[in-house]
Amino acid sequence: ILGFSTPPGRLSMMAFILNALTCALGLLYFIRRGKQCLDFTVTVHFFHLLGCWIYNSRFPSTLTWWLVHIVCTALMAAIGEYLCMRIELREIPLNSTPKSNV
């Protein structure tokens, strides 16, 4: 189904790319550590590869399938790490006033 020449193929590729972007937000929400984003991204895509292999009863061999998934893996890892690093690098507020009245 994946291919550049047909509209359903292009639509499927766009769906994979949008999925990578939403999964990057999932990394921000669930992982929250920039160093672990690549690990979780590769793990998710590895399980997807296993699922496709089991479902189709053969190993994915088309070049477009591999290209789309490599691009999606890179996008998900890079955007997820960027978002997590923005959260990690926020300034810690230091107030001089006491929090309780003792």
PDB file of N, CA and C in Angstrom:
ATOM      1  N   ILE A   1       0.836  -1.197   0.000  1.00  0.00           N
ATOM      2  CA  ILE A   1       0.000   0.000   0.000  1.00  0.00           C
ATOM      3  C   ILE A   1       0.875   1.253   0.000  1.00  0.00           C
ATOM      4  N   LEU A   2       2.023   1.207   0.678  1.00  0.00           N
ATOM      5  CA  LEU A   2       2.876   2.388   0.730  1.00  0.00           C
ATOM      6  C   LEU A   2       3.523   2.623  -0.626  1.00  0.00           C
ATOM      7  N   GLY A   3       3.397   3.817  -1.121  1.00  0.00           N
ATOM      8  CA  GLY A   3       4.022   4.167  -2.384  1.00  0.00           C
ATOM      9  C   GLY A   3       3.801   5.635  -2.675  1.00  0.00           C
ATOM     10  N   PHE A   4       4.713   6.200  -3.441  1.00  0.00           N
ATOM     11  CA  PHE A   4       4.623   7.626  -3.759  1.00  0.00           C
ATOM     12  C   PHE A   4       3.693   7.888  -4.939  1.00  0.00           C
ATOM     13  N   SER A   5       3.391   6.863  -5.735  1.00  0.00           N
ATOM     14  CA  SER A   5       2.673   7.085  -6.987  1.00  0.00           C
ATOM     15  C   SER A   5       1.160   7.091  -6.849  1.00  0.00           C
ATOM     16  N   THR A   6       0.617   6.542  -5.782  1.00  0.00           N
ATOM     17  CA  THR A   6      -0.842   6.473  -5.644  1.00  0.00           C
ATOM     18  C   THR A   6      -1.314   7.352  -4.490  1.00  0.00           C
ATOM     19  N   PRO A   7      -2.502   7.921  -4.606  1.00  0.00           N
ATOM     20  CA  PRO A   7      -3.035   8.728  -3.493  1.00  0.00           C
ATOM     21  C   PRO A   7      -3.195   7.934  -2.188  1.00  0.00           C
ATOM     22  N   PRO A   8      -3.691   6.680  -2.212  1.00  0.00           N
ATOM     23  CA  PRO A   8      -3.763   5.948  -0.935  1.00  0.00           C
ATOM     24  C   PRO A   8      -2.381   5.698  -0.318  1.00  0.00           C
ATOM     25  N   GLY A   9      -1.377   5.530  -1.147  1.00  0.00           N
ATOM     26  CA  GLY A   9      -0.018   5.352  -0.631  1.00  0.00           C
ATOM     27  C   GLY A   9       0.508   6.604   0.035  1.00  0.00           C
ATOM     28  N   ARG A  10       0.272   7.747  -0.607  1.00  0.00           N
ATOM     29  CA  ARG A  10       0.705   9.013  -0.008  1.00  0.00           C
ATOM     30  C   ARG A  10      -0.070   9.303   1.270  1.00  0.00           C
ATOM     31  N   LEU A  11      -1.358   8.967   1.293  1.00  0.00           N
ATOM     32  CA  LEU A  11      -2.167   9.162   2.487  1.00  0.00           C
ATOM     33  C   LEU A  11      -1.673   8.279   3.634  1.00  0.00           C
ATOM     34  N   SER A  12      -1.291   7.055   3.320  1.00  0.00           N
ATOM     35  CA  SER A  12      -0.752   6.160   4.358  1.00  0.00           C
ATOM     36  C   SER A  12       0.560   6.699   4.920  1.00  0.00           C
ATOM     37  N   MET A  13       1.399   7.228   4.044  1.00  0.00           N
ATOM     38  CA  MET A  13       2.662   7.790   4.517  1.00  0.00           C
ATOM     39  C   MET A  13       2.431   9.008   5.400  1.00  0.00           C
ATOM     40  N   MET A  14       1.473   9.833   5.031  1.00  0.00           N
ATOM     41  CA  MET A  14       1.163  10.995   5.867  1.00  0.00           C
ATOM     42  C   MET A  14       0.599  10.552   7.220  1.00  0.00           C
ATOM     43  N   ALA A  15      -0.169   9.465   7.215  1.00  0.00           N
ATOM     44  CA  ALA A  15      -0.693   8.945   8.477  1.00  0.00           C
ATOM     45  C   ALA A  15       0.447   8.465   9.372  1.00  0.00           C
ATOM     46  N   PHE A  16       1.447   7.815   8.792  1.00  0.00           N
ATOM     47  CA  PHE A  16       2.598   7.374   9.577  1.00  0.00           C
ATOM     48  C   PHE A  16       3.363   8.560  10.147  1.00  0.00           C
ATOM     49  N   ILE A  17       3.513   9.609   9.368  1.00  0.00           N
ATOM     50  CA  ILE A  17       4.238  10.792   9.843  1.00  0.00           C
ATOM     51  C   ILE A  17       3.454  11.502  10.942  1.00  0.00           C
ATOM     52  N   LEU A  18       2.147  11.637  10.784  1.00  0.00           N
ATOM     53  CA  LEU A  18       1.330  12.234  11.843  1.00  0.00           C
ATOM     54  C   LEU A  18       1.345  11.376  13.106  1.00  0.00           C
ATOM     55  N   ASN A  19       1.395  10.057  12.930  1.00  0.00           N
ATOM     56  CA  ASN A  19       1.506   9.161  14.073  1.00  0.00           C
ATOM     57  C   ASN A  19       2.827   9.373  14.804  1.00  0.00           C
ATOM     58  N   ALA A  20       3.896   9.597  14.066  1.00  0.00           N
ATOM     59  CA  ALA A  20       5.187   9.861  14.701  1.00  0.00           C
ATOM     60  C   ALA A  20       5.141  11.152  15.512  1.00  0.00           C
ATOM     61  N   LEU A  21       4.448  12.154  14.997  1.00  0.00           N
ATOM     62  CA  LEU A  21       4.345  13.424  15.722  1.00  0.00           C
ATOM     63  C   LEU A  21       3.521  13.276  16.996  1.00  0.00           C
ATOM     64  N   THR A  22       2.424  12.543  16.923  1.00  0.00           N
ATOM     65  CA  THR A  22       1.617  12.348  18.125  1.00  0.00           C
ATOM     66  C   THR A  22       2.321  11.439  19.127  1.00  0.00           C
ATOM     67  N   CYS A  23       3.080  10.483  18.641  1.00  0.00           N
ATOM     68  CA  CYS A  23       3.855   9.635  19.566  1.00  0.00           C
ATOM     69  C   CYS A  23       4.962  10.433  20.247  1.00  0.00           C
ATOM     70  N   ALA A  24       5.484  11.448  19.579  1.00  0.00           N
ATOM     71  CA  ALA A  24       6.470  12.320  20.217  1.00  0.00           C
ATOM     72  C   ALA A  24       5.834  13.053  21.397  1.00  0.00           C
ATOM     73  N   LEU A  25       4.584  13.442  21.244  1.00  0.00           N
ATOM     74  CA  LEU A  25       3.870  14.043  22.380  1.00  0.00           C
ATOM     75  C   LEU A  25       3.654  13.005  23.483  1.00  0.00           C
ATOM     76  N   GLY A  26       3.427  11.763  23.098  1.00  0.00           N
ATOM     77  CA  GLY A  26       3.309  10.687  24.083  1.00  0.00           C
ATOM     78  C   GLY A  26       4.598  10.481  24.848  1.00  0.00           C
ATOM     79  N   LEU A  27       5.740  10.615  24.167  1.00  0.00           N
ATOM     80  CA  LEU A  27       7.027  10.534  24.869  1.00  0.00           C
ATOM     81  C   LEU A  27       7.134  11.644  25.905  1.00  0.00           C
ATOM     82  N   LEU A  28       6.681  12.828  25.544  1.00  0.00           N
ATOM     83  CA  LEU A  28       6.710  13.946  26.491  1.00  0.00           C
ATOM     84  C   LEU A  28       5.840  13.652  27.698  1.00  0.00           C
ATOM     85  N   TYR A  29       4.673  13.089  27.472  1.00  0.00           N
ATOM     86  CA  TYR A  29       3.731  12.854  28.557  1.00  0.00           C
ATOM     87  C   TYR A  29       4.132  11.670  29.440  1.00  0.00           C
ATOM     88  N   PHE A  30       4.589  10.570  28.833  1.00  0.00           N
ATOM     89  CA  PHE A  30       4.867   9.357  29.594  1.00  0.00           C
ATOM     90  C   PHE A  30       6.329   9.207  30.017  1.00  0.00           C
ATOM     91  N   ILE A  31       7.271   9.581  29.185  1.00  0.00           N
ATOM     92  CA  ILE A  31       8.689   9.330  29.458  1.00  0.00           C
ATOM     93  C   ILE A  31       9.320  10.503  30.207  1.00  0.00           C
ATOM     94  N   ARG A  32       9.172  11.699  29.665  1.00  0.00           N
ATOM     95  CA  ARG A  32       9.656  12.944  30.274  1.00  0.00           C
ATOM     96  C   ARG A  32      11.163  13.012  30.474  1.00  0.00           C
ATOM     97  N   ARG A  33      11.919  12.128  29.864  1.00  0.00           N
ATOM     98  CA  ARG A  33      13.376  12.156  29.955  1.00  0.00           C
ATOM     99  C   ARG A  33      13.942  12.170  28.543  1.00  0.00           C
ATOM    100  N   GLY A  34      14.741  13.162  28.218  1.00  0.00           N
ATOM    101  CA  GLY A  34      15.300  13.284  26.885  1.00  0.00           C
ATOM    102  C   GLY A  34      16.221  12.146  26.509  1.00  0.00           C
ATOM    103  N   LYS A  35      16.955  11.624  27.482  1.00  0.00           N
ATOM    104  CA  LYS A  35      17.906  10.554  27.200  1.00  0.00           C
ATOM    105  C   LYS A  35      17.219   9.233  26.862  1.00  0.00           C
ATOM    106  N   GLN A  36      15.989   9.051  27.299  1.00  0.00           N
ATOM    107  CA  GLN A  36      15.298   7.785  27.078  1.00  0.00           C
ATOM    108  C   GLN A  36      14.404   7.799  25.843  1.00  0.00           C
ATOM    109  N   CYS A  37      14.264   8.918  25.178  1.00  0.00           N
ATOM    110  CA  CYS A  37      13.366   9.015  24.032  1.00  0.00           C
ATOM    111  C   CYS A  37      13.784   8.101  22.892  1.00  0.00           C
ATOM    112  N   LEU A  38      15.063   8.063  22.570  1.00  0.00           N
ATOM    113  CA  LEU A  38      15.531   7.206  21.477  1.00  0.00           C
ATOM    114  C   LEU A  38      15.293   5.736  21.805  1.00  0.00           C
ATOM    115  N   ASP A  39      15.544   5.337  23.037  1.00  0.00           N
ATOM    116  CA  ASP A  39      15.327   3.943  23.433  1.00  0.00           C
ATOM    117  C   ASP A  39      13.868   3.534  23.265  1.00  0.00           C
ATOM    118  N   PHE A  40      12.961   4.344  23.759  1.00  0.00           N
ATOM    119  CA  PHE A  40      11.545   4.008  23.666  1.00  0.00           C
ATOM    120  C   PHE A  40      11.049   4.077  22.227  1.00  0.00           C
ATOM    121  N   THR A  41      11.571   4.998  21.441  1.00  0.00           N
ATOM    122  CA  THR A  41      11.174   5.101  20.037  1.00  0.00           C
ATOM    123  C   THR A  41      11.587   3.859  19.264  1.00  0.00           C
ATOM    124  N   VAL A  42      12.817   3.440  19.432  1.00  0.00           N
ATOM    125  CA  VAL A  42      13.294   2.245  18.728  1.00  0.00           C
ATOM    126  C   VAL A  42      12.538   1.011  19.206  1.00  0.00           C
ATOM    127  N   THR A  43      12.228   0.941  20.485  1.00  0.00           N
ATOM    128  CA  THR A  43      11.477  -0.194  21.012  1.00  0.00           C
ATOM    129  C   THR A  43      10.077  -0.251  20.414  1.00  0.00           C
ATOM    130  N   VAL A  44       9.403   0.877  20.331  1.00  0.00           N
ATOM    131  CA  VAL A  44       8.055   0.913  19.762  1.00  0.00           C
ATOM    132  C   VAL A  44       8.085   0.494  18.292  1.00  0.00           C
ATOM    133  N   HIS A  45       9.047   0.995  17.537  1.00  0.00           N
ATOM    134  CA  HIS A  45       9.116   0.644  16.125  1.00  0.00           C
ATOM    135  C   HIS A  45       9.566  -0.808  15.924  1.00  0.00           C
ATOM    136  N   PHE A  46      10.359  -1.334  16.829  1.00  0.00           N
ATOM    137  CA  PHE A  46      10.738  -2.742  16.744  1.00  0.00           C
ATOM    138  C   PHE A  46       9.522  -3.636  16.968  1.00  0.00           C
ATOM    139  N   PHE A  47       8.700  -3.297  17.960  1.00  0.00           N
ATOM    140  CA  PHE A  47       7.477  -4.069  18.187  1.00  0.00           C
ATOM    141  C   PHE A  47       6.515  -3.932  17.003  1.00  0.00           C
ATOM    142  N   HIS A  48       6.488  -2.775  16.362  1.00  0.00           N
ATOM    143  CA  HIS A  48       5.664  -2.601  15.167  1.00  0.00           C
ATOM    144  C   HIS A  48       6.186  -3.499  14.043  1.00  0.00           C
ATOM    145  N   LEU A  49       7.492  -3.583  13.889  1.00  0.00           N
ATOM    146  CA  LEU A  49       8.085  -4.469  12.889  1.00  0.00           C
ATOM    147  C   LEU A  49       7.695  -5.919  13.155  1.00  0.00           C
ATOM    148  N   LEU A  50       7.781  -6.345  14.417  1.00  0.00           N
ATOM    149  CA  LEU A  50       7.385  -7.717  14.761  1.00  0.00           C
ATOM    150  C   LEU A  50       5.905  -7.949  14.476  1.00  0.00           C
ATOM    151  N   GLY A  51       5.070  -6.973  14.815  1.00  0.00           N
ATOM    152  CA  GLY A  51       3.640  -7.102  14.552  1.00  0.00           C
ATOM    153  C   GLY A  51       3.337  -7.211  13.063  1.00  0.00           C
ATOM    154  N   CYS A  52       4.011  -6.399  12.252  1.00  0.00           N
ATOM    155  CA  CYS A  52       3.816  -6.480  10.796  1.00  0.00           C
ATOM    156  C   CYS A  52       4.298  -7.812  10.252  1.00  0.00           C
ATOM    157  N   TRP A  53       5.400  -8.301  10.780  1.00  0.00           N
ATOM    158  CA  TRP A  53       5.960  -9.570  10.347  1.00  0.00           C
ATOM    159  C   TRP A  53       5.003 -10.722  10.671  1.00  0.00           C
ATOM    160  N   ILE A  54       4.440 -10.712  11.861  1.00  0.00           N
ATOM    161  CA  ILE A  54       3.504 -11.766  12.256  1.00  0.00           C
ATOM    162  C   ILE A  54       2.203 -11.647  11.473  1.00  0.00           C
ATOM    163  N   TYR A  55       1.696 -10.444  11.313  1.00  0.00           N
ATOM    164  CA  TYR A  55       0.417 -10.233  10.639  1.00  0.00           C
ATOM    165  C   TYR A  55       0.475 -10.640   9.163  1.00  0.00           C
ATOM    166  N   ASN A  56       1.557 -10.266   8.471  1.00  0.00           N
ATOM    167  CA  ASN A  56       1.682 -10.558   7.041  1.00  0.00           C
ATOM    168  C   ASN A  56       2.326 -11.909   6.756  1.00  0.00           C
ATOM    169  N   SER A  57       2.826 -12.567   7.773  1.00  0.00           N
ATOM    170  CA  SER A  57       3.517 -13.861   7.641  1.00  0.00           C
ATOM    171  C   SER A  57       4.758 -13.776   6.762  1.00  0.00           C
ATOM    172  N   ARG A  58       5.330 -12.599   6.644  1.00  0.00           N
ATOM    173  CA  ARG A  58       6.602 -12.427   5.938  1.00  0.00           C
ATOM    174  C   ARG A  58       7.257 -11.135   6.401  1.00  0.00           C
ATOM    175  N   PHE A  59       8.556 -11.099   6.276  1.00  0.00           N
ATOM    176  CA  PHE A  59       9.342  -9.939   6.688  1.00  0.00           C
ATOM    177  C   PHE A  59       9.124  -8.809   5.684  1.00  0.00           C
ATOM    178  N   PRO A  60       8.921  -7.568   6.158  1.00  0.00           N
ATOM    179  CA  PRO A  60       8.735  -6.438   5.231  1.00  0.00           C
ATOM    180  C   PRO A  60       9.977  -6.248   4.360  1.00  0.00           C
ATOM    181  N   SER A  61       9.777  -6.225   3.062  1.00  0.00           N
ATOM    182  CA  SER A  61      10.929  -6.162   2.162  1.00  0.00           C
ATOM    183  C   SER A  61      10.888  -4.988   1.195  1.00  0.00           C
ATOM    184  N   THR A  62       9.838  -4.180   1.225  1.00  0.00           N
ATOM    185  CA  THR A  62       9.770  -3.061   0.279  1.00  0.00           C
ATOM    186  C   THR A  62      10.580  -1.878   0.797  1.00  0.00           C
ATOM    187  N   LEU A  63      11.203  -1.207  -0.134  1.00  0.00           N
ATOM    188  CA  LEU A  63      12.059  -0.075   0.213  1.00  0.00           C
ATOM    189  C   LEU A  63      11.246   1.080   0.803  1.00  0.00           C
ATOM    190  N   THR A  64      10.058   1.317   0.271  1.00  0.00           N
ATOM    191  CA  THR A  64       9.260   2.433   0.782  1.00  0.00           C
ATOM    192  C   THR A  64       8.833   2.193   2.226  1.00  0.00           C
ATOM    193  N   TRP A  65       8.532   0.940   2.586  1.00  0.00           N
ATOM    194  CA  TRP A  65       8.163   0.635   3.971  1.00  0.00           C
ATOM    195  C   TRP A  65       9.308   0.992   4.900  1.00  0.00           C
ATOM    196  N   TRP A  66      10.514   0.591   4.524  1.00  0.00           N
ATOM    197  CA  TRP A  66      11.682   0.865   5.363  1.00  0.00           C
ATOM    198  C   TRP A  66      11.994   2.354   5.421  1.00  0.00           C
ATOM    199  N   LEU A  67      11.888   3.044   4.294  1.00  0.00           N
ATOM    200  CA  LEU A  67      12.166   4.485   4.287  1.00  0.00           C
ATOM    201  C   LEU A  67      11.180   5.244   5.163  1.00  0.00           C
ATOM    202  N   VAL A  68       9.894   4.912   5.043  1.00  0.00           N
ATOM    203  CA  VAL A  68       8.882   5.595   5.851  1.00  0.00           C
ATOM    204  C   VAL A  68       9.133   5.349   7.333  1.00  0.00           C
ATOM    205  N   HIS A  69       9.473   4.144   7.710  1.00  0.00           N
ATOM    206  CA  HIS A  69       9.664   3.845   9.128  1.00  0.00           C
ATOM    207  C   HIS A  69      10.974   4.410   9.675  1.00  0.00           C
ATOM    208  N   ILE A  70      11.980   4.512   8.852  1.00  0.00           N
ATOM    209  CA  ILE A  70      13.227   5.160   9.297  1.00  0.00           C
ATOM    210  C   ILE A  70      12.984   6.652   9.518  1.00  0.00           C
ATOM    211  N   VAL A  71      12.265   7.286   8.587  1.00  0.00           N
ATOM    212  CA  VAL A  71      11.948   8.706   8.740  1.00  0.00           C
ATOM    213  C   VAL A  71      11.068   8.930   9.969  1.00  0.00           C
ATOM    214  N   CYS A  72      10.080   8.061  10.159  1.00  0.00           N
ATOM    215  CA  CYS A  72       9.183   8.212  11.318  1.00  0.00           C
ATOM    216  C   CYS A  72       9.920   7.986  12.630  1.00  0.00           C
ATOM    217  N   THR A  73      10.844   7.037  12.651  1.00  0.00           N
ATOM    218  CA  THR A  73      11.645   6.802  13.856  1.00  0.00           C
ATOM    219  C   THR A  73      12.496   8.028  14.178  1.00  0.00           C
ATOM    220  N   ALA A  74      13.130   8.585  13.152  1.00  0.00           N
ATOM    221  CA  ALA A  74      13.963   9.775  13.364  1.00  0.00           C
ATOM    222  C   ALA A  74      13.126  10.963  13.823  1.00  0.00           C
ATOM    223  N   LEU A  75      11.973  11.170  13.198  1.00  0.00           N
ATOM    224  CA  LEU A  75      11.101  12.280  13.603  1.00  0.00           C
ATOM    225  C   LEU A  75      10.617  12.126  15.032  1.00  0.00           C
ATOM    226  N   MET A  76      10.153  10.941  15.362  1.00  0.00           N
ATOM    227  CA  MET A  76       9.615  10.720  16.705  1.00  0.00           C
ATOM    228  C   MET A  76      10.696  10.911  17.763  1.00  0.00           C
ATOM    229  N   ALA A  77      11.886  10.377  17.514  1.00  0.00           N
ATOM    230  CA  ALA A  77      12.965  10.511  18.490  1.00  0.00           C
ATOM    231  C   ALA A  77      13.430  11.961  18.622  1.00  0.00           C
ATOM    232  N   ALA A  78      13.616  12.634  17.496  1.00  0.00           N
ATOM    233  CA  ALA A  78      14.134  14.007  17.542  1.00  0.00           C
ATOM    234  C   ALA A  78      13.127  14.970  18.170  1.00  0.00           C
ATOM    235  N   ILE A  79      11.880  14.897  17.763  1.00  0.00           N
ATOM    236  CA  ILE A  79      10.876  15.811  18.303  1.00  0.00           C
ATOM    237  C   ILE A  79      10.574  15.480  19.755  1.00  0.00           C
ATOM    238  N   GLY A  80      10.497  14.195  20.081  1.00  0.00           N
ATOM    239  CA  GLY A  80      10.270  13.803  21.473  1.00  0.00           C
ATOM    240  C   GLY A  80      11.390  14.250  22.383  1.00  0.00           C
ATOM    241  N   GLU A  81      12.629  14.096  21.917  1.00  0.00           N
ATOM    242  CA  GLU A  81      13.763  14.538  22.728  1.00  0.00           C
ATOM    243  C   GLU A  81      13.780  16.054  22.879  1.00  0.00           C
ATOM    244  N   TYR A  82      13.452  16.767  21.810  1.00  0.00           N
ATOM    245  CA  TYR A  82      13.401  18.225  21.883  1.00  0.00           C
ATOM    246  C   TYR A  82      12.359  18.681  22.905  1.00  0.00           C
ATOM    247  N   LEU A  83      11.178  18.090  22.845  1.00  0.00           N
ATOM    248  CA  LEU A  83      10.113  18.477  23.781  1.00  0.00           C
ATOM    249  C   LEU A  83      10.487  18.133  25.223  1.00  0.00           C
ATOM    250  N   CYS A  84      11.067  16.962  25.422  1.00  0.00           N
ATOM    251  CA  CYS A  84      11.459  16.563  26.782  1.00  0.00           C
ATOM    252  C   CYS A  84      12.582  17.448  27.319  1.00  0.00           C
ATOM    253  N   MET A  85      13.519  17.819  26.462  1.00  0.00           N
ATOM    254  CA  MET A  85      14.614  18.679  26.910  1.00  0.00           C
ATOM    255  C   MET A  85      14.103  20.078  27.271  1.00  0.00           C
ATOM    256  N   ARG A  86      13.103  20.552  26.565  1.00  0.00           N
ATOM    257  CA  ARG A  86      12.526  21.860  26.926  1.00  0.00           C
ATOM    258  C   ARG A  86      11.936  21.820  28.316  1.00  0.00           C
ATOM    259  N   ILE A  87      11.285  20.720  28.676  1.00  0.00           N
ATOM    260  CA  ILE A  87      10.708  20.581  30.011  1.00  0.00           C
ATOM    261  C   ILE A  87      11.812  20.430  31.053  1.00  0.00           C
ATOM    262  N   GLU A  88      12.840  19.642  30.728  1.00  0.00           N
ATOM    263  CA  GLU A  88      13.927  19.408  31.686  1.00  0.00           C
ATOM    264  C   GLU A  88      14.729  20.672  31.965  1.00  0.00           C
ATOM    265  N   LEU A  89      14.843  21.545  30.978  1.00  0.00           N
ATOM    266  CA  LEU A  89      15.701  22.722  31.123  1.00  0.00           C
ATOM    267  C   LEU A  89      14.967  23.962  31.629  1.00  0.00           C
ATOM    268  N   ARG A  90      13.751  23.792  32.076  1.00  0.00           N
ATOM    269  CA  ARG A  90      13.050  24.927  32.677  1.00  0.00           C
ATOM    270  C   ARG A  90      13.765  25.373  33.942  1.00  0.00           C
ATOM    271  N   GLU A  91      13.646  26.653  34.218  1.00  0.00           N
ATOM    272  CA  GLU A  91      14.249  27.168  35.438  1.00  0.00           C
ATOM    273  C   GLU A  91      13.477  26.692  36.646  1.00  0.00           C
ATOM    274  N   ILE A  92      14.207  26.397  37.691  1.00  0.00           N
ATOM    275  CA  ILE A  92      13.579  26.010  38.948  1.00  0.00           C
ATOM    276  C   ILE A  92      13.308  27.301  39.713  1.00  0.00           C
ATOM    277  N   PRO A  93      12.046  27.561  40.062  1.00  0.00           N
ATOM    278  CA  PRO A  93      11.756  28.805  40.768  1.00  0.00           C
ATOM    279  C   PRO A  93      12.312  28.780  42.194  1.00  0.00           C
ATOM    280  N   LEU A  94      13.023  29.828  42.529  1.00  0.00           N
ATOM    281  CA  LEU A  94      13.588  29.963  43.873  1.00  0.00           C
ATOM    282  C   LEU A  94      12.948  31.185  44.521  1.00  0.00           C
ATOM    283  N   ASN A  95      12.092  30.941  45.447  1.00  0.00           N
ATOM    284  CA  ASN A  95      11.426  32.030  46.160  1.00  0.00           C
ATOM    285  C   ASN A  95      12.111  32.221  47.517  1.00  0.00           C
ATOM    286  N   SER A  96      12.242  33.464  47.913  1.00  0.00           N
ATOM    287  CA  SER A  96      12.867  33.741  49.210  1.00  0.00           C
ATOM    288  C   SER A  96      11.847  33.755  50.331  1.00  0.00           C
ATOM    289  N   THR A  97      10.578  33.692  50.009  1.00  0.00           N
ATOM    290  CA  THR A  97       9.547  33.703  51.045  1.00  0.00           C
ATOM    291  C   THR A  97       9.295  32.287  51.540  1.00  0.00           C
ATOM    292  N   PRO A  98       9.050  32.138  52.836  1.00  0.00           N
ATOM    293  CA  PRO A  98       8.758  30.790  53.340  1.00  0.00           C
ATOM    294  C   PRO A  98       7.405  30.294  52.868  1.00  0.00           C
ATOM    295  N   LYS A  99       7.278  28.980  52.740  1.00  0.00           N
ATOM    296  CA  LYS A  99       6.037  28.404  52.237  1.00  0.00           C
ATOM    297  C   LYS A  99       4.990  28.258  53.332  1.00  0.00           C
ATOM    298  N   SER A 100       5.391  28.205  54.571  1.00  0.00           N
ATOM    299  CA  SER A 100       4.409  28.056  55.650  1.00  0.00           C
ATOM    300  C   SER A 100       4.657  29.117  56.718  1.00  0.00           C
ATOM    301  N   ASN A 101       3.627  29.450  57.417  1.00  0.00           N
ATOM    302  CA  ASN A 101       3.720  30.414  58.508  1.00  0.00           C
ATOM    303  C   ASN A 101       3.828  29.639  59.816  1.00  0.00           C
ATOM    304  N   VAL A 102       5.031  29.477  60.279  1.00  0.00           N
ATOM    305  CA  VAL A 102       5.247  28.720  61.527  1.00  0.00           C
ATOM    306  C   VAL A 102       5.440  29.652  62.677  1.00  0.00           C
TER     307      VAL A 102
END
